[in-house]
All heavy atoms as atom14 arrays in JSON, in Angstrom:
{
  "sequence": "DPRENRKFNMIKQGLDYDNNGEYVRLWVPELQRIMGADVHTPW",
  "atom14_mask": [
    [1, 1, 1, 1, 1, 1, 1, 1, 0, 0, 0, 0, 0, 0],
    [1, 1, 1, 1, 1, 1, 1, 0, 0, 0, 0, 0, 0, 0],
    [1, 1, 1, 1, 1, 1, 1, 1, 1, 1, 1, 0, 0, 0],
    [1, 1, 1, 1, 1, 1, 1, 1, 1, 0, 0, 0, 0, 0],
    [1, 1, 1, 1, 1, 1, 1, 1, 0, 0, 0, 0, 0, 0],
    [1, 1, 1, 1, 1, 1, 1, 1, 1, 1, 1, 0, 0, 0],
    [1, 1, 1, 1, 1, 1, 1, 1, 1, 0, 0, 0, 0, 0],
    [1, 1, 1, 1, 1, 1, 1, 1, 1, 1, 1, 0, 0, 0],
    [1, 1, 1, 1, 1, 1, 1, 1, 0, 0, 0, 0, 0, 0],
    [1, 1, 1, 1, 1, 1, 1, 1, 0, 0, 0, 0, 0, 0],
    [1, 1, 1, 1, 1, 1, 1, 1, 0, 0, 0, 0, 0, 0],
    [1, 1, 1, 1, 1, 1, 1, 1, 1, 0, 0, 0, 0, 0],
    [1, 1, 1, 1, 1, 1, 1, 1, 1, 0, 0, 0, 0, 0],
    [1, 1, 1, 1, 0, 0, 0, 0, 0, 0, 0, 0, 0, 0],
    [1, 1, 1, 1, 1, 1, 1, 1, 0, 0, 0, 0, 0, 0],
    [1, 1, 1, 1, 1, 1, 1, 1, 0, 0, 0, 0, 0, 0],
    [1, 1, 1, 1, 1, 1, 1, 1, 1, 1, 1, 1, 0, 0],
    [1, 1, 1, 1, 1, 1, 1, 1, 0, 0, 0, 0, 0, 0],
    [1, 1, 1, 1, 1, 1, 1, 1, 0, 0, 0, 0, 0, 0],
    [1, 1, 1, 1, 1, 1, 1, 1, 0, 0, 0, 0, 0, 0],
    [1, 1, 1, 1, 0, 0, 0, 0, 0, 0, 0, 0, 0, 0],
    [1, 1, 1, 1, 1, 1, 1, 1, 1, 0, 0, 0, 0, 0],
    [1, 1, 1, 1, 1, 1, 1, 1, 1, 1, 1, 1, 0, 0],
    [1, 1, 1, 1, 1, 1, 1, 0, 0, 0, 0, 0, 0, 0],
    [1, 1, 1, 1, 1, 1, 1, 1, 1, 1, 1, 0, 0, 0],
    [1, 1, 1, 1, 1, 1, 1, 1, 0, 0, 0, 0, 0, 0],
    [1, 1, 1, 1, 1, 1, 1, 1, 1, 1, 1, 1, 1, 1],
    [1, 1, 1, 1, 1, 1, 1, 0, 0, 0, 0, 0, 0, 0],
    [1, 1, 1, 1, 1, 1, 1, 0, 0, 0, 0, 0, 0, 0],
    [1, 1, 1, 1, 1, 1, 1, 1, 1, 0, 0, 0, 0, 0],
    [1, 1, 1, 1, 1, 1, 1, 1, 0, 0, 0, 0, 0, 0],
    [1, 1, 1, 1, 1, 1, 1, 1, 1, 0, 0, 0, 0, 0],
    [1, 1, 1, 1, 1, 1, 1, 1, 1, 1, 1, 0, 0, 0],
    [1, 1, 1, 1, 1, 1, 1, 1, 0, 0, 0, 0, 0, 0],
    [1, 1, 1, 1, 1, 1, 1, 1, 0, 0, 0, 0, 0, 0],
    [1, 1, 1, 1, 0, 0, 0, 0, 0, 0, 0, 0, 0, 0],
    [1, 1, 1, 1, 1, 0, 0, 0, 0, 0, 0, 0, 0, 0],
    [1, 1, 1, 1, 1, 1, 1, 1, 0, 0, 0, 0, 0, 0],
    [1, 1, 1, 1, 1, 1, 1, 0, 0, 0, 0, 0, 0, 0],
    [1, 1, 1, 1, 1, 1, 1, 1, 1, 1, 0, 0, 0, 0],
    [1, 1, 1, 1, 1, 1, 1, 0, 0, 0, 0, 0, 0, 0],
    [1, 1, 1, 1, 1, 1, 1, 0, 0, 0, 0, 0, 0, 0],
    [1, 1, 1, 1, 1, 1, 1, 1, 1, 1, 1, 1, 1, 1]
  ],
  "atom14_positions": [
    [[-36.89, 36.64, -89.3], [-35.98, 35.51, -89.9], [-34.93, 36.15, -90.65], [-35.14, 36.81, -91.63], [-36.83, 34.52, -90.74], [-36.14, 33.3, -91.18], [-34.87, 33.29, -90.83], [-36.69, 32.49, -91.79], [0.0, 0.0, 0.0], [0.0, 0.0, 0.0], [0.0, 0.0, 0.0], [0.0, 0.0, 0.0], [0.0, 0.0, 0.0], [0.0, 0.0, 0.0]],
    [[-33.68, 35.97, -90.13], [-32.52, 36.58, -90.89], [-32.2, 35.88, -92.15], [-31.4, 36.33, -92.97], [-31.32, 36.38, -89.81], [-31.73, 35.18, -89.01], [-33.24, 35.19, -88.94], [0.0, 0.0, 0.0], [0.0, 0.0, 0.0], [0.0, 0.0, 0.0], [0.0, 0.0, 0.0], [0.0, 0.0, 0.0], [0.0, 0.0, 0.0], [0.0, 0.0, 0.0]],
    [[-32.69, 34.66, -92.42], [-32.5, 33.93, -93.6], [-33.5, 34.2, -94.66], [-34.61, 34.07, -94.41], [-32.37, 32.47, -93.31], [-32.14, 31.57, -94.38], [-31.96, 30.09, -94.03], [-32.02, 29.26, -95.13], [-31.94, 27.95, -95.12], [-31.9, 27.36, -93.88], [-31.92, 27.15, -96.14], [0.0, 0.0, 0.0], [0.0, 0.0, 0.0], [0.0, 0.0, 0.0]],
    [[-33.09, 34.62, -95.9], [-33.99, 34.91, -96.95], [-34.52, 33.56, -97.58], [-33.84, 32.6, -97.6], [-33.26, 35.62, -98.06], [-32.94, 37.01, -97.77], [-34.1, 37.91, -97.72], [-35.02, 37.74, -98.48], [-34.1, 38.99, -97.0], [0.0, 0.0, 0.0], [0.0, 0.0, 0.0], [0.0, 0.0, 0.0], [0.0, 0.0, 0.0], [0.0, 0.0, 0.0]],
    [[-35.87, 33.65, -97.72], [-36.43, 32.52, -98.61], [-36.38, 31.16, -97.92], [-36.14, 30.23, -98.59], [-35.87, 32.43, -99.99], [-36.15, 33.76, -100.72], [-37.15, 34.43, -100.71], [-35.05, 34.34, -101.5], [0.0, 0.0, 0.0], [0.0, 0.0, 0.0], [0.0, 0.0, 0.0], [0.0, 0.0, 0.0], [0.0, 0.0, 0.0], [0.0, 0.0, 0.0]],
    [[-36.47, 31.13, -96.67], [-36.56, 29.8, -96.0], [-37.74, 29.06, -96.46], [-38.86, 29.46, -96.33], [-36.57, 29.99, -94.45], [-36.43, 28.8, -93.58], [-36.73, 29.03, -92.17], [-35.92, 30.01, -91.52], [-34.67, 29.64, -91.01], [-34.33, 28.47, -90.93], [-33.94, 30.61, -90.46], [0.0, 0.0, 0.0], [0.0, 0.0, 0.0], [0.0, 0.0, 0.0]],
    [[-37.5, 27.88, -96.85], [-38.62, 26.98, -97.31], [-38.36, 25.49, -96.89], [-37.29, 25.02, -97.08], [-38.73, 27.04, -98.8], [-39.92, 26.25, -99.39], [-40.0, 26.3, -100.87], [-41.12, 25.49, -101.41], [-41.07, 25.41, -102.86], [0.0, 0.0, 0.0], [0.0, 0.0, 0.0], [0.0, 0.0, 0.0], [0.0, 0.0, 0.0], [0.0, 0.0, 0.0]],
    [[-39.37, 24.89, -96.41], [-39.22, 23.47, -95.87], [-39.56, 22.56, -97.13], [-40.58, 22.86, -97.86], [-40.21, 23.17, -94.74], [-39.72, 23.67, -93.43], [-39.6, 25.04, -93.15], [-39.37, 22.71, -92.42], [-39.13, 25.4, -91.98], [-38.88, 23.28, -91.26], [-38.85, 24.58, -90.93], [0.0, 0.0, 0.0], [0.0, 0.0, 0.0], [0.0, 0.0, 0.0]],
    [[-38.89, 21.48, -97.29], [-39.12, 20.49, -98.31], [-40.0, 19.39, -97.62], [-39.57, 18.67, -96.67], [-37.8, 19.86, -98.75], [-37.95, 18.78, -99.76], [-38.92, 17.98, -99.77], [-37.09, 18.76, -100.73], [0.0, 0.0, 0.0], [0.0, 0.0, 0.0], [0.0, 0.0, 0.0], [0.0, 0.0, 0.0], [0.0, 0.0, 0.0], [0.0, 0.0, 0.0]],
    [[-41.27, 19.31, -98.0], [-42.23, 18.53, -97.36], [-41.84, 17.02, -97.31], [-42.03, 16.24, -96.35], [-43.57, 18.62, -97.99], [-44.3, 20.02, -97.87], [-44.49, 20.56, -96.19], [-43.28, 21.82, -96.07], [0.0, 0.0, 0.0], [0.0, 0.0, 0.0], [0.0, 0.0, 0.0], [0.0, 0.0, 0.0], [0.0, 0.0, 0.0], [0.0, 0.0, 0.0]],
    [[-41.17, 16.6, -98.44], [-40.85, 15.17, -98.55], [-39.7, 14.9, -97.67], [-39.65, 13.85, -96.81], [-40.66, 14.76, -99.93], [-41.73, 15.14, -100.86], [-40.42, 13.33, -100.08], [-43.21, 14.63, -100.37], [0.0, 0.0, 0.0], [0.0, 0.0, 0.0], [0.0, 0.0, 0.0], [0.0, 0.0, 0.0], [0.0, 0.0, 0.0], [0.0, 0.0, 0.0]],
    [[-38.65, 15.67, -97.71], [-37.46, 15.51, -96.88], [-37.88, 15.53, -95.38], [-37.52, 14.68, -94.61], [-36.41, 16.52, -97.09], [-35.12, 16.22, -96.27], [-34.1, 17.32, -96.62], [-32.79, 17.0, -95.95], [-32.95, 16.89, -94.55], [0.0, 0.0, 0.0], [0.0, 0.0, 0.0], [0.0, 0.0, 0.0], [0.0, 0.0, 0.0], [0.0, 0.0, 0.0]],
    [[-38.68, 16.46, -95.04], [-39.13, 16.6, -93.62], [-39.91, 15.37, -93.21], [-39.72, 14.87, -92.03], [-40.04, 17.87, -93.52], [-39.31, 19.14, -93.55], [-38.61, 19.53, -92.3], [-39.15, 19.59, -91.17], [-37.19, 19.71, -92.34], [0.0, 0.0, 0.0], [0.0, 0.0, 0.0], [0.0, 0.0, 0.0], [0.0, 0.0, 0.0], [0.0, 0.0, 0.0]],
    [[-40.9, 14.87, -94.03], [-41.44, 13.62, -93.7], [-40.53, 12.49, -93.58], [-40.68, 11.66, -92.56], [0.0, 0.0, 0.0], [0.0, 0.0, 0.0], [0.0, 0.0, 0.0], [0.0, 0.0, 0.0], [0.0, 0.0, 0.0], [0.0, 0.0, 0.0], [0.0, 0.0, 0.0], [0.0, 0.0, 0.0], [0.0, 0.0, 0.0], [0.0, 0.0, 0.0]],
    [[-39.62, 12.4, -94.45], [-38.62, 11.3, -94.31], [-37.82, 11.41, -93.02], [-37.48, 10.39, -92.39], [-37.81, 11.16, -95.51], [-38.49, 10.75, -96.88], [-37.65, 11.02, -98.08], [-39.08, 9.38, -96.75], [0.0, 0.0, 0.0], [0.0, 0.0, 0.0], [0.0, 0.0, 0.0], [0.0, 0.0, 0.0], [0.0, 0.0, 0.0], [0.0, 0.0, 0.0]],
    [[-37.33, 12.67, -92.71], [-36.55, 12.8, -91.51], [-37.27, 12.58, -90.26], [-36.58, 11.98, -89.31], [-35.97, 14.32, -91.58], [-34.8, 14.47, -92.57], [-34.31, 13.49, -93.12], [-34.4, 15.67, -92.85], [0.0, 0.0, 0.0], [0.0, 0.0, 0.0], [0.0, 0.0, 0.0], [0.0, 0.0, 0.0], [0.0, 0.0, 0.0], [0.0, 0.0, 0.0]],
    [[-38.58, 13.04, -90.13], [-39.11, 12.95, -88.91], [-40.21, 11.97, -88.7], [-40.73, 11.75, -87.63], [-39.67, 14.39, -88.53], [-38.45, 15.37, -88.41], [-38.22, 16.16, -89.48], [-37.8, 15.33, -87.17], [-37.07, 17.06, -89.48], [-36.7, 16.27, -87.13], [-36.3, 17.07, -88.22], [-35.21, 17.9, -88.15], [0.0, 0.0, 0.0], [0.0, 0.0, 0.0]],
    [[-40.57, 11.3, -89.84], [-41.56, 10.16, -89.83], [-41.15, 9.18, -90.77], [-41.78, 8.81, -91.74], [-42.98, 10.73, -90.13], [-44.11, 9.63, -90.01], [-43.99, 8.78, -89.18], [-44.99, 9.69, -90.85], [0.0, 0.0, 0.0], [0.0, 0.0, 0.0], [0.0, 0.0, 0.0], [0.0, 0.0, 0.0], [0.0, 0.0, 0.0], [0.0, 0.0, 0.0]],
    [[-39.92, 8.69, -90.57], [-39.11, 7.9, -91.59], [-39.82, 6.57, -91.95], [-39.71, 6.17, -92.91], [-37.71, 7.62, -91.16], [-37.62, 7.02, -89.72], [-38.56, 6.47, -89.18], [-36.35, 7.14, -89.07], [0.0, 0.0, 0.0], [0.0, 0.0, 0.0], [0.0, 0.0, 0.0], [0.0, 0.0, 0.0], [0.0, 0.0, 0.0], [0.0, 0.0, 0.0]],
    [[-40.68, 6.0, -91.07], [-41.44, 4.82, -91.38], [-42.8, 5.04, -91.66], [-43.56, 4.03, -91.89], [-41.26, 3.73, -90.31], [-41.81, 4.09, -88.99], [-42.32, 5.23, -88.92], [-41.64, 3.29, -88.0], [0.0, 0.0, 0.0], [0.0, 0.0, 0.0], [0.0, 0.0, 0.0], [0.0, 0.0, 0.0], [0.0, 0.0, 0.0], [0.0, 0.0, 0.0]],
    [[-43.28, 6.33, -91.57], [-44.66, 6.63, -92.0], [-45.65, 6.41, -90.89], [-46.84, 6.5, -91.21], [0.0, 0.0, 0.0], [0.0, 0.0, 0.0], [0.0, 0.0, 0.0], [0.0, 0.0, 0.0], [0.0, 0.0, 0.0], [0.0, 0.0, 0.0], [0.0, 0.0, 0.0], [0.0, 0.0, 0.0], [0.0, 0.0, 0.0], [0.0, 0.0, 0.0]],
    [[-45.26, 6.08, -89.74], [-46.15, 5.77, -88.6], [-47.13, 6.93, -88.34], [-48.36, 6.66, -88.09], [-45.31, 5.35, -87.32], [-46.25, 4.98, -86.18], [-45.4, 4.83, -84.9], [-44.22, 5.04, -84.98], [-46.03, 4.29, -83.97], [0.0, 0.0, 0.0], [0.0, 0.0, 0.0], [0.0, 0.0, 0.0], [0.0, 0.0, 0.0], [0.0, 0.0, 0.0]],
    [[-46.65, 8.1, -88.33], [-47.49, 9.19, -88.05], [-48.54, 9.46, -89.1], [-49.71, 9.74, -88.89], [-46.65, 10.65, -87.86], [-47.37, 11.73, -87.68], [-47.97, 12.0, -86.37], [-47.42, 12.77, -88.6], [-48.72, 13.21, -86.23], [-48.2, 13.95, -88.54], [-48.77, 14.14, -87.28], [-49.59, 15.29, -87.06], [0.0, 0.0, 0.0], [0.0, 0.0, 0.0]],
    [[-47.97, 9.44, -90.37], [-48.99, 9.65, -91.42], [-50.09, 8.54, -91.48], [-51.3, 8.97, -91.49], [-48.22, 9.61, -92.76], [-49.23, 9.46, -93.92], [-47.51, 10.86, -93.06], [0.0, 0.0, 0.0], [0.0, 0.0, 0.0], [0.0, 0.0, 0.0], [0.0, 0.0, 0.0], [0.0, 0.0, 0.0], [0.0, 0.0, 0.0], [0.0, 0.0, 0.0]],
    [[-49.74, 7.42, -91.14], [-50.79, 6.31, -91.24], [-51.68, 6.48, -89.96], [-52.85, 6.06, -90.05], [-50.11, 4.96, -91.18], [-49.57, 4.49, -92.56], [-49.09, 3.09, -92.62], [-47.8, 2.94, -91.82], [-46.68, 3.14, -92.26], [-46.49, 3.5, -93.61], [-45.5, 3.02, -91.47], [0.0, 0.0, 0.0], [0.0, 0.0, 0.0], [0.0, 0.0, 0.0]],
    [[-51.3, 7.12, -88.97], [-52.14, 7.32, -87.81], [-53.24, 8.29, -88.17], [-54.48, 8.05, -87.57], [-51.23, 7.84, -86.58], [-52.0, 8.15, -85.19], [-52.5, 6.86, -84.59], [-51.14, 8.87, -84.31], [0.0, 0.0, 0.0], [0.0, 0.0, 0.0], [0.0, 0.0, 0.0], [0.0, 0.0, 0.0], [0.0, 0.0, 0.0], [0.0, 0.0, 0.0]],
    [[-52.89, 9.28, -88.84], [-53.89, 10.38, -89.08], [-54.53, 10.38, -90.5], [-55.47, 11.0, -90.75], [-53.21, 11.75, -88.9], [-52.98, 11.89, -87.39], [-51.76, 11.93, -86.72], [-53.88, 12.18, -86.28], [-51.9, 11.99, -85.39], [-53.28, 12.29, -85.09], [-55.33, 12.41, -86.34], [-53.86, 12.58, -83.91], [-55.97, 12.62, -85.13], [-55.23, 12.66, -83.96]],
    [[-53.96, 9.57, -91.42], [-54.51, 9.48, -92.74], [-54.82, 8.07, -92.98], [-53.98, 7.26, -93.64], [-53.57, 9.95, -93.73], [-54.3, 10.11, -95.16], [-53.08, 11.5, -93.44], [0.0, 0.0, 0.0], [0.0, 0.0, 0.0], [0.0, 0.0, 0.0], [0.0, 0.0, 0.0], [0.0, 0.0, 0.0], [0.0, 0.0, 0.0], [0.0, 0.0, 0.0]],
    [[-55.99, 7.48, -92.45], [-56.15, 6.06, -92.49], [-56.22, 5.49, -93.95], [-56.13, 4.3, -94.2], [-57.35, 5.81, -91.64], [-58.03, 7.2, -91.65], [-56.93, 8.24, -91.65], [0.0, 0.0, 0.0], [0.0, 0.0, 0.0], [0.0, 0.0, 0.0], [0.0, 0.0, 0.0], [0.0, 0.0, 0.0], [0.0, 0.0, 0.0], [0.0, 0.0, 0.0]],
    [[-56.58, 6.4, -94.87], [-56.59, 5.89, -96.31], [-55.39, 5.33, -96.81], [-55.33, 4.52, -97.7], [-57.03, 7.1, -97.22], [-58.28, 7.88, -96.86], [-57.94, 9.1, -96.07], [-57.35, 9.03, -94.97], [-58.28, 10.19, -96.56], [0.0, 0.0, 0.0], [0.0, 0.0, 0.0], [0.0, 0.0, 0.0], [0.0, 0.0, 0.0], [0.0, 0.0, 0.0]],
    [[-54.25, 5.71, -96.1], [-52.97, 5.29, -96.52], [-52.35, 4.22, -95.7], [-51.16, 3.86, -95.75], [-51.88, 6.5, -96.45], [-52.36, 7.67, -97.31], [-51.33, 8.81, -97.16], [-52.54, 7.25, -98.86], [0.0, 0.0, 0.0], [0.0, 0.0, 0.0], [0.0, 0.0, 0.0], [0.0, 0.0, 0.0], [0.0, 0.0, 0.0], [0.0, 0.0, 0.0]],
    [[-53.09, 3.56, -94.79], [-52.65, 2.56, -93.9], [-52.04, 1.42, -94.51], [-51.18, 0.74, -93.9], [-53.78, 2.12, -92.98], [-54.06, 3.16, -91.88], [-55.14, 2.55, -90.92], [-55.88, 1.63, -91.18], [-55.34, 3.38, -89.81], [0.0, 0.0, 0.0], [0.0, 0.0, 0.0], [0.0, 0.0, 0.0], [0.0, 0.0, 0.0], [0.0, 0.0, 0.0]],
    [[-52.39, 1.01, -95.72], [-51.85, -0.2, -96.41], [-50.59, 0.21, -97.14], [-49.95, -0.87, -97.77], [-52.91, -0.8, -97.3], [-54.02, -1.39, -96.57], [-55.11, -1.88, -97.58], [-56.31, -2.4, -96.79], [-56.44, -3.73, -96.57], [-55.48, -4.6, -97.07], [-57.49, -4.17, -96.03], [0.0, 0.0, 0.0], [0.0, 0.0, 0.0], [0.0, 0.0, 0.0]],
    [[-50.14, 1.34, -97.21], [-48.78, 1.61, -97.81], [-47.68, 1.66, -96.79], [-47.85, 2.39, -95.81], [-48.9, 3.06, -98.47], [-49.87, 3.09, -99.58], [-47.46, 3.34, -99.08], [-50.06, 4.4, -100.31], [0.0, 0.0, 0.0], [0.0, 0.0, 0.0], [0.0, 0.0, 0.0], [0.0, 0.0, 0.0], [0.0, 0.0, 0.0], [0.0, 0.0, 0.0]],
    [[-46.65, 0.82, -96.97], [-45.8, 0.51, -95.88], [-44.6, 1.52, -96.11], [-44.15, 1.89, -97.13], [-45.32, -0.9, -96.12], [-46.4, -1.95, -95.81], [-47.03, -1.86, -94.01], [-48.45, -0.96, -94.25], [0.0, 0.0, 0.0], [0.0, 0.0, 0.0], [0.0, 0.0, 0.0], [0.0, 0.0, 0.0], [0.0, 0.0, 0.0], [0.0, 0.0, 0.0]],
    [[-43.94, 1.7, -94.92], [-42.69, 2.41, -94.87], [-42.74, 3.82, -95.4], [-43.82, 4.47, -95.36], [0.0, 0.0, 0.0], [0.0, 0.0, 0.0], [0.0, 0.0, 0.0], [0.0, 0.0, 0.0], [0.0, 0.0, 0.0], [0.0, 0.0, 0.0], [0.0, 0.0, 0.0], [0.0, 0.0, 0.0], [0.0, 0.0, 0.0], [0.0, 0.0, 0.0]],
    [[-41.55, 4.24, -95.9], [-41.49, 5.7, -96.29], [-42.34, 5.98, -97.59], [-42.52, 7.09, -97.83], [-40.02, 5.98, -96.57], [0.0, 0.0, 0.0], [0.0, 0.0, 0.0], [0.0, 0.0, 0.0], [0.0, 0.0, 0.0], [0.0, 0.0, 0.0], [0.0, 0.0, 0.0], [0.0, 0.0, 0.0], [0.0, 0.0, 0.0], [0.0, 0.0, 0.0]],
    [[-42.79, 4.9, -98.3], [-43.48, 5.14, -99.5], [-44.84, 6.01, -99.19], [-45.31, 6.54, -100.15], [-43.77, 3.89, -100.11], [-42.77, 3.16, -100.96], [-41.79, 3.95, -101.17], [-42.79, 1.98, -101.29], [0.0, 0.0, 0.0], [0.0, 0.0, 0.0], [0.0, 0.0, 0.0], [0.0, 0.0, 0.0], [0.0, 0.0, 0.0], [0.0, 0.0, 0.0]],
    [[-45.25, 5.95, -97.96], [-46.5, 6.54, -97.65], [-46.43, 8.05, -97.88], [-47.41, 8.76, -98.07], [-46.87, 6.26, -96.19], [-46.01, 7.02, -95.15], [-48.33, 6.47, -95.94], [0.0, 0.0, 0.0], [0.0, 0.0, 0.0], [0.0, 0.0, 0.0], [0.0, 0.0, 0.0], [0.0, 0.0, 0.0], [0.0, 0.0, 0.0], [0.0, 0.0, 0.0]],
    [[-45.07, 8.59, -97.93], [-44.97, 10.09, -98.01], [-45.21, 10.52, -99.49], [-45.39, 11.64, -99.77], [-43.7, 10.51, -97.58], [-43.53, 10.45, -96.06], [-44.3, 11.26, -95.13], [-42.75, 9.58, -95.29], [-43.93, 10.95, -93.97], [-43.04, 9.95, -93.98], [0.0, 0.0, 0.0], [0.0, 0.0, 0.0], [0.0, 0.0, 0.0], [0.0, 0.0, 0.0]],
    [[-45.15, 9.58, -100.47], [-45.27, 9.98, -101.92], [-46.07, 8.98, -102.6], [-45.58, 8.35, -103.62], [-43.9, 10.04, -102.59], [-43.23, 8.79, -102.33], [-43.0, 11.17, -101.99], [0.0, 0.0, 0.0], [0.0, 0.0, 0.0], [0.0, 0.0, 0.0], [0.0, 0.0, 0.0], [0.0, 0.0, 0.0], [0.0, 0.0, 0.0], [0.0, 0.0, 0.0]],
    [[-47.4, 8.82, -102.29], [-48.22, 7.89, -103.01], [-48.36, 8.06, -104.45], [-48.67, 7.06, -105.15], [-49.58, 7.92, -102.26], [-49.56, 9.38, -101.58], [-48.14, 9.57, -101.24], [0.0, 0.0, 0.0], [0.0, 0.0, 0.0], [0.0, 0.0, 0.0], [0.0, 0.0, 0.0], [0.0, 0.0, 0.0], [0.0, 0.0, 0.0], [0.0, 0.0, 0.0]],
    [[-48.33, 9.27, -104.87], [-48.58, 9.58, -106.37], [-47.39, 9.03, -107.12], [-47.52, 9.06, -108.43], [-48.7, 11.02, -106.55], [-47.46, 11.88, -106.3], [-46.54, 12.31, -107.17], [-47.14, 12.48, -105.03], [-45.63, 12.97, -106.45], [-45.98, 13.16, -105.16], [-47.81, 12.44, -103.69], [-45.27, 13.86, -104.07], [-47.25, 13.1, -102.69], [-45.99, 13.9, -102.82]]
  ]
}
């Protein structure tokens, strides 16, 4: 990797690629009742 200190932002990545939380709710059923993008930051 030519770029130093590459780091992914977990929250931004979740919002960018699972913007309505469908994927998270598919695999983390505990969070199924949290709607939309809020599912990425339940705390």
